[in-house]
Amino acid sequence: MPDAGTSIDVLLIEDNPGDARLVEHHLNESHVADIVGDVTLEHEETLAEGLRAIETGRHDILFLDLGLPESTGLATLGTVQDEDPRVPIVVLTGLDDRETAVTAIQRGAQDYLLKDDLDADDLARSLRYAVERHRQEAQLRLQNERLEEFTSVVSHDLRNPLNVAHARVNILRDEADNDHLETASRALDRMEALIEDLLTLAQQGRTIDDLSTVRLDVVAEGCRENVDTADAAVIVDTDATVRADGSRLQELLSNLLRNSIEHGGAAVTITLGDLADGFYVADDGPGISADDREQVFEMGYSTSEGGTGFGLMIVEGIAEAHGWDVRVTDSEAGGARFEITGVDVH
């Protein structure tokens, strides 16, 4: 039951007057208030008028018809999200297109309803769940932003004494050849790597609000510039474009490259290739045993002496933030193959 005094302001963008009257009729049924509270409905018939209504910022939720005169399909959803990515959206359509439904949800819609199946209960439940999910997502975004701010401050405060220690050790190493100084230097390098990975983990927890169409091969080239590939051969066997946060996709691919080099050696061969609904990164290194595959994404797990144990956890976090799945299997060369699926590929 909603709290006393609950009121929900709904914006409906629908060009068909009959469908709009039906939605209004259902939302005005008496038992709807028992589920969601009082409902106020504003109806706009065109996308342009709807966008102007969204600009006011007073609506709690948007019911959006995907078949408008000025715009149809998922392009309509994208236009509305560009105007205000914060408003929760329930998509309405007369087409029984499950593929579009799934894609709409992947792109941020809260729900997807067929007009022919609408009734008061469906509308009320969808409305309440969508608003609640959106509020929870907003709260999670705020928590992640606070976590990122905290880790940024902590990492900065840790780096300062770390840099001082690095400088003093380097001065002493210039003055004397001592194995203890070499050990201390390696320990400081590991601390620096841990700080970087912990900061990255906190950043990857952010909800992804801004997806764009990016080319995998271009992102892979950016990874080459940021990862010391040494003598490794990196083969980019794709010209696909995907919907993703470009910088975080680059972080995902960079961590997979580092993982292959750490475990496969400096001369490992790494291939980035296409899958029907995603992409893979494979190498010809020693591979990952079946017993270890469930553990590789856990915090701190690493079989490499120099690894921090956070790289693959970062990969999984970025994939999950996009709504993708990631799994590890054998490559054709007997090494490791990481498959990222559930990706919107073009």
Protein backbone atom coordinates (compact mmCIF):
# COMPACT_ATOMS: atom_id res chain seq x y z
CA MET A 1 0.00 0.00 0.00
CA PRO A 2 1.27 3.52 -0.76
CA ASP A 3 1.92 5.99 2.00
CA ALA A 4 -0.87 8.37 2.92
CA GLY A 5 -0.83 11.43 0.73
CA THR A 6 1.21 9.75 -2.02
CA SER A 7 0.78 11.46 -5.37
CA ILE A 8 2.33 10.49 -8.69
CA ASP A 9 2.55 12.90 -11.61
CA VAL A 10 2.41 10.99 -14.90
CA LEU A 11 3.29 12.32 -18.35
CA LEU A 12 1.82 10.41 -21.30
CA ILE A 13 3.21 11.02 -24.80
CA GLU A 14 0.72 9.32 -27.13
CA ASP A 15 -0.53 10.48 -30.54
CA ASN A 16 -3.58 8.19 -30.65
CA PRO A 17 -6.48 9.89 -28.77
CA GLY A 18 -8.24 6.56 -28.25
CA ASP A 19 -5.21 4.95 -26.65
CA ALA A 20 -4.67 8.04 -24.50
CA ARG A 21 -8.28 7.94 -23.27
CA LEU A 22 -7.87 4.24 -22.45
CA VAL A 23 -4.76 4.89 -20.35
CA GLU A 24 -6.51 7.75 -18.57
CA HIS A 25 -9.58 5.57 -17.95
CA HIS A 26 -7.49 2.79 -16.41
CA LEU A 27 -5.51 5.15 -14.19
CA ASN A 28 -8.73 6.77 -12.94
CA GLU A 29 -10.20 3.49 -11.73
CA SER A 30 -10.73 3.67 -7.98
CA HIS A 31 -8.56 0.73 -6.95
CA VAL A 32 -5.51 2.19 -8.75
CA ALA A 33 -5.17 4.71 -5.93
CA ASP A 34 -4.91 1.80 -3.48
CA ILE A 35 -1.81 0.59 -5.36
CA VAL A 36 -0.01 3.82 -6.30
CA GLY A 37 -1.80 6.68 -4.58
CA ASP A 38 -3.33 9.68 -6.34
CA VAL A 39 -2.42 9.92 -10.02
CA THR A 40 -2.22 13.16 -11.98
CA LEU A 41 -2.00 12.66 -15.75
CA GLU A 42 -0.73 15.10 -18.37
CA HIS A 43 -1.17 14.05 -21.98
CA GLU A 44 0.85 15.35 -24.93
CA GLU A 45 0.23 14.16 -28.50
CA THR A 46 3.60 14.92 -30.10
CA LEU A 47 7.20 14.27 -29.17
CA ALA A 48 8.04 17.98 -29.36
CA GLU A 49 5.25 18.87 -26.93
CA GLY A 50 6.27 15.98 -24.69
CA LEU A 51 9.89 17.14 -24.58
CA ARG A 52 8.74 20.62 -23.56
CA ALA A 53 6.69 19.05 -20.76
CA ILE A 54 9.70 17.02 -19.62
CA GLU A 55 11.73 20.23 -19.35
CA THR A 56 9.49 21.37 -16.48
CA GLY A 57 10.90 18.54 -14.34
CA ARG A 58 7.67 18.03 -12.42
CA HIS A 59 6.77 14.52 -13.63
CA ASP A 60 7.49 11.36 -11.65
CA ILE A 61 7.20 8.99 -14.62
CA LEU A 62 6.71 8.96 -18.37
CA PHE A 63 4.51 6.61 -20.40
CA LEU A 64 6.00 6.77 -23.90
CA ASP A 65 4.46 5.58 -27.16
CA LEU A 66 7.19 4.37 -29.53
CA GLY A 67 5.08 5.00 -32.66
CA LEU A 68 4.87 8.80 -32.83
CA PRO A 69 4.56 10.74 -36.11
CA GLU A 70 7.95 12.48 -35.71
CA SER A 71 9.87 9.50 -34.40
CA THR A 72 9.42 5.75 -34.13
CA GLY A 73 11.00 2.80 -32.34
CA LEU A 74 14.01 2.99 -30.08
CA ALA A 75 15.07 6.33 -31.56
CA THR A 76 12.10 7.86 -29.70
CA LEU A 77 13.36 6.39 -26.42
CA GLY A 78 16.86 7.75 -27.10
CA THR A 79 15.56 11.25 -27.82
CA VAL A 80 13.66 11.37 -24.54
CA GLN A 81 16.63 10.04 -22.57
CA ASP A 82 18.87 12.68 -24.13
CA GLU A 83 16.42 15.35 -22.93
CA ASP A 84 16.28 14.04 -19.34
CA PRO A 85 18.00 10.75 -18.42
CA ARG A 86 16.61 10.98 -14.88
CA VAL A 87 12.92 10.47 -15.65
CA PRO A 88 11.74 6.83 -15.40
CA ILE A 89 10.16 5.61 -18.64
CA VAL A 90 7.55 2.93 -19.30
CA VAL A 91 7.38 2.16 -23.02
CA LEU A 92 3.96 1.63 -24.64
CA THR A 93 3.63 0.02 -28.05
CA GLY A 94 1.11 -1.68 -30.28
CA LEU A 95 3.78 -4.00 -31.65
CA ASP A 96 4.40 -7.37 -30.03
CA ASP A 97 8.15 -7.10 -30.60
CA ARG A 98 10.02 -8.89 -27.83
CA GLU A 99 13.43 -7.98 -29.23
CA THR A 100 12.57 -4.29 -29.06
CA ALA A 101 11.26 -4.84 -25.53
CA VAL A 102 14.53 -6.35 -24.35
CA THR A 103 16.59 -3.63 -26.05
CA ALA A 104 14.42 -0.89 -24.55
CA ILE A 105 15.03 -2.31 -21.07
CA GLN A 106 18.76 -2.62 -21.78
CA ARG A 107 18.80 1.06 -22.80
CA GLY A 108 17.20 2.20 -19.58
CA ALA A 109 13.41 1.87 -19.88
CA GLN A 110 11.83 0.65 -16.64
CA ASP A 111 9.12 -1.44 -18.29
CA TYR A 112 7.53 -2.33 -21.63
CA LEU A 113 3.74 -2.72 -22.05
CA LEU A 114 1.66 -3.80 -25.03
CA LYS A 115 -1.34 -1.53 -25.62
CA ASP A 116 -3.62 -4.40 -26.58
CA ASP A 117 -3.02 -6.07 -23.20
CA LEU A 118 -3.39 -3.00 -21.00
CA ASP A 119 -5.66 -2.96 -17.97
CA ALA A 120 -5.76 -0.92 -14.79
CA ASP A 121 -3.87 -3.47 -12.69
CA ASP A 122 -1.02 -3.78 -15.23
CA LEU A 123 -0.65 -0.02 -15.52
CA ALA A 124 -0.74 0.53 -11.76
CA ARG A 125 1.77 -2.20 -10.98
CA SER A 126 4.11 -1.07 -13.75
CA LEU A 127 3.83 2.53 -12.60
CA ARG A 128 4.57 1.76 -8.95
CA TYR A 129 7.43 -0.66 -9.67
CA ALA A 130 9.01 1.70 -12.17
CA VAL A 131 8.94 4.64 -9.77
CA GLU A 132 10.33 2.53 -6.91
CA ARG A 133 13.09 1.04 -9.06
CA HIS A 134 14.03 4.48 -10.31
CA ARG A 135 14.23 5.84 -6.76
CA GLN A 136 16.43 2.92 -5.72
CA GLU A 137 18.68 3.44 -8.73
CA ALA A 138 19.00 7.13 -7.89
CA GLN A 139 19.92 6.24 -4.30
CA LEU A 140 22.49 3.73 -5.55
CA ARG A 141 24.00 6.35 -7.86
CA LEU A 142 24.32 8.74 -4.92
CA GLN A 143 25.98 6.04 -2.79
CA ASN A 144 28.40 5.22 -5.60
CA GLU A 145 29.25 8.89 -6.06
CA ARG A 146 30.01 9.19 -2.35
CA LEU A 147 32.11 6.02 -2.47
CA GLU A 148 34.04 7.36 -5.44
CA GLU A 149 34.63 10.69 -3.69
CA PHE A 150 35.83 8.87 -0.56
CA THR A 151 38.21 6.61 -2.47
CA SER A 152 39.56 9.57 -4.44
CA VAL A 153 40.41 11.41 -1.23
CA VAL A 154 41.91 8.32 0.40
CA SER A 155 43.95 7.40 -2.66
CA HIS A 156 45.29 10.96 -2.85
CA ASP A 157 46.25 10.92 0.83
CA LEU A 158 47.94 7.54 0.39
CA ARG A 159 49.84 8.57 -2.73
CA ASN A 160 51.58 11.48 -1.05
CA PRO A 161 53.52 9.42 1.54
CA LEU A 162 54.00 6.70 -1.06
CA ASN A 163 55.67 9.15 -3.44
CA VAL A 164 57.92 10.34 -0.61
CA ALA A 165 58.93 6.77 0.17
CA HIS A 166 59.60 6.07 -3.53
CA ALA A 167 61.84 9.13 -3.78
CA ARG A 168 63.84 8.26 -0.67
CA VAL A 169 64.33 4.64 -1.77
CA ASN A 170 65.51 5.79 -5.22
CA ILE A 171 68.02 8.17 -3.60
CA LEU A 172 69.39 5.37 -1.44
CA ARG A 173 69.54 2.99 -4.45
CA ASP A 174 71.66 5.55 -6.29
CA GLU A 175 74.04 5.72 -3.33
CA ALA A 176 74.29 2.01 -2.57
CA ASP A 177 73.47 -1.34 -4.17
CA ASN A 178 71.33 -3.13 -1.58
CA ASP A 179 68.93 -6.04 -2.05
CA HIS A 180 66.73 -4.71 0.74
CA LEU A 181 66.16 -1.50 -1.19
CA GLU A 182 65.15 -3.49 -4.28
CA THR A 183 62.62 -5.43 -2.18
CA ALA A 184 61.28 -2.20 -0.70
CA SER A 185 60.94 -0.68 -4.16
CA ARG A 186 58.92 -3.66 -5.40
CA ALA A 187 56.67 -3.43 -2.34
CA LEU A 188 56.03 0.26 -3.00
CA ASP A 189 55.24 -0.50 -6.66
CA ARG A 190 52.72 -3.09 -5.53
CA MET A 191 51.11 -0.63 -3.12
CA GLU A 192 50.78 1.87 -5.95
CA ALA A 193 49.15 -0.74 -8.20
CA LEU A 194 46.73 -1.70 -5.43
CA ILE A 195 45.71 1.93 -4.91
CA GLU A 196 45.08 2.35 -8.65
CA ASP A 197 42.96 -0.82 -8.82
CA LEU A 198 40.96 0.03 -5.71
CA LEU A 199 40.20 3.47 -7.11
CA THR A 200 39.16 1.91 -10.42
CA LEU A 201 36.89 -0.57 -8.62
CA ALA A 202 35.08 2.27 -6.89
CA GLN A 203 34.69 4.17 -10.15
CA GLN A 204 33.30 1.13 -11.97
CA GLY A 205 30.53 0.87 -9.40
CA ARG A 206 28.89 3.94 -10.91
CA THR A 207 25.63 3.43 -12.76
CA ILE A 208 26.10 3.94 -16.49
CA ASP A 209 23.84 6.74 -17.72
CA ASP A 210 25.53 7.79 -20.95
CA LEU A 211 25.91 5.08 -23.60
CA SER A 212 27.22 5.84 -27.06
CA THR A 213 28.05 3.87 -30.18
CA VAL A 214 31.76 3.06 -30.20
CA ARG A 215 33.99 1.00 -32.49
CA LEU A 216 35.72 -1.92 -30.81
CA ASP A 217 38.83 -1.61 -32.96
CA VAL A 218 39.24 2.07 -32.07
CA VAL A 219 38.86 1.31 -28.35
CA ALA A 220 41.40 -1.51 -28.70
CA GLU A 221 43.91 0.90 -30.25
CA GLY A 222 43.48 3.16 -27.24
CA CYS A 223 44.29 0.17 -25.01
CA ARG A 224 47.56 -0.42 -26.88
CA GLU A 225 48.65 3.10 -25.99
CA ASN A 226 47.86 2.67 -22.28
CA VAL A 227 49.02 -0.91 -21.70
CA ASP A 228 52.66 -2.00 -21.86
CA THR A 229 52.21 -4.86 -24.33
CA ALA A 230 55.99 -5.50 -24.50
CA ASP A 231 56.53 -8.21 -27.17
CA ALA A 232 52.91 -9.38 -27.10
CA ALA A 233 51.07 -9.64 -30.42
CA VAL A 234 47.62 -8.01 -30.25
CA ILE A 235 45.33 -9.02 -33.12
CA VAL A 236 42.17 -6.94 -33.53
CA ASP A 237 39.84 -9.07 -35.64
CA THR A 238 36.67 -6.97 -35.51
CA ASP A 239 35.07 -3.95 -37.11
CA ALA A 240 31.95 -4.10 -34.92
CA THR A 241 30.41 -1.13 -33.13
CA VAL A 242 28.73 -1.50 -29.74
CA ARG A 243 26.61 0.58 -27.38
CA ALA A 244 28.80 1.26 -24.36
CA ASP A 245 30.51 3.78 -22.12
CA GLY A 246 33.68 4.17 -24.18
CA SER A 247 36.10 4.92 -21.34
CA ARG A 248 34.89 2.04 -19.19
CA LEU A 249 34.91 -0.35 -22.15
CA GLN A 250 38.55 0.65 -22.68
CA GLU A 251 39.24 -0.09 -19.01
CA LEU A 252 37.64 -3.54 -19.43
CA LEU A 253 39.73 -4.38 -22.50
CA SER A 254 42.90 -2.97 -20.93
CA ASN A 255 42.51 -5.23 -17.90
CA LEU A 256 41.99 -8.27 -20.13
CA LEU A 257 45.16 -7.39 -22.07
CA ARG A 258 47.14 -7.00 -18.83
CA ASN A 259 45.76 -10.29 -17.57
CA SER A 260 46.89 -12.13 -20.71
CA ILE A 261 50.38 -10.61 -20.52
CA GLU A 262 50.75 -11.26 -16.76
CA HIS A 263 49.81 -14.92 -17.13
CA GLY A 264 50.87 -15.68 -20.71
CA GLY A 265 54.23 -13.94 -20.78
CA ALA A 266 55.58 -10.96 -22.69
CA ALA A 267 55.41 -12.75 -26.07
CA VAL A 268 51.80 -13.94 -25.75
CA THR A 269 49.41 -13.55 -28.70
CA ILE A 270 46.09 -11.89 -27.84
CA THR A 271 43.05 -11.74 -30.14
CA LEU A 272 39.99 -9.51 -29.92
CA GLY A 273 37.16 -10.96 -32.01
CA ASP A 274 33.40 -10.94 -32.61
CA LEU A 275 30.58 -12.95 -31.07
CA ALA A 276 26.98 -12.88 -32.24
CA ASP A 277 25.96 -10.78 -29.22
CA GLY A 278 29.29 -9.45 -28.04
CA PHE A 279 33.03 -9.98 -28.31
CA TYR A 280 35.87 -12.06 -26.89
CA VAL A 281 39.48 -11.64 -25.84
CA ALA A 282 41.56 -14.83 -26.22
CA ASP A 283 45.24 -15.66 -25.80
CA ASP A 284 47.65 -18.57 -26.35
CA GLY A 285 48.96 -18.60 -22.79
CA PRO A 286 48.63 -21.40 -20.22
CA GLY A 287 44.86 -20.94 -19.84
CA ILE A 288 42.71 -21.19 -16.72
CA SER A 289 41.74 -24.57 -15.30
CA ALA A 290 38.06 -25.44 -14.99
CA ASP A 291 38.42 -25.54 -11.19
CA ASP A 292 39.68 -21.96 -11.07
CA ARG A 293 37.18 -20.35 -13.46
CA GLU A 294 34.58 -19.62 -10.81
CA GLN A 295 37.19 -17.87 -8.65
CA VAL A 296 39.00 -15.68 -11.18
CA PHE A 297 36.54 -12.78 -10.75
CA GLU A 298 36.76 -12.79 -6.96
CA MET A 299 38.49 -10.01 -5.05
CA GLY A 300 42.20 -10.59 -4.58
CA TYR A 301 42.39 -13.76 -6.67
CA SER A 302 45.55 -13.95 -8.76
CA THR A 303 47.98 -16.64 -9.84
CA SER A 304 50.52 -14.05 -10.99
CA GLU A 305 53.18 -12.95 -8.51
CA GLY A 306 52.93 -9.34 -9.63
CA GLY A 307 49.14 -9.18 -9.98
CA THR A 308 46.90 -7.27 -7.58
CA GLY A 309 43.99 -9.69 -7.91
CA PHE A 310 41.56 -6.90 -8.85
CA GLY A 311 41.88 -6.77 -12.64
CA LEU A 312 39.28 -9.43 -13.50
CA MET A 313 36.97 -8.22 -10.75
CA ILE A 314 37.08 -4.82 -12.47
CA VAL A 315 36.25 -6.53 -15.79
CA GLU A 316 33.21 -8.23 -14.26
CA GLY A 317 32.07 -5.00 -12.60
CA ILE A 318 32.21 -3.03 -15.84
CA ALA A 319 30.38 -5.78 -17.72
CA GLU A 320 27.63 -5.96 -15.10
CA ALA A 321 27.25 -2.17 -15.07
CA HIS A 322 26.46 -2.40 -18.80
CA GLY A 323 24.07 -5.32 -18.29
CA TRP A 324 26.50 -7.72 -19.99
CA ASP A 325 27.61 -11.20 -19.01
CA VAL A 326 31.24 -12.35 -18.84
CA ARG A 327 32.59 -15.89 -18.71
CA VAL A 328 35.95 -17.57 -19.15
CA THR A 329 36.65 -20.67 -21.22
CA ASP A 330 39.44 -22.19 -23.34
CA SER A 331 40.76 -20.48 -26.44
CA GLU A 332 41.42 -22.41 -29.65
CA ALA A 333 45.16 -22.16 -28.86
CA GLY A 334 44.65 -23.66 -25.39
CA GLY A 335 44.90 -20.37 -23.52
CA ALA A 336 42.21 -18.31 -21.83
CA ARG A 337 39.21 -16.87 -23.64
CA PHE A 338 36.97 -14.25 -22.03
CA GLU A 339 33.55 -13.89 -23.66
CA ILE A 340 31.47 -10.74 -23.13
CA THR A 341 27.84 -11.30 -24.19
CA GLY A 342 24.50 -9.52 -24.01
CA VAL A 343 26.09 -6.57 -25.84
CA ASP A 344 24.13 -4.33 -28.21
CA VAL A 345 26.24 -4.96 -31.35
CA HIS A 346 25.86 -3.13 -34.67
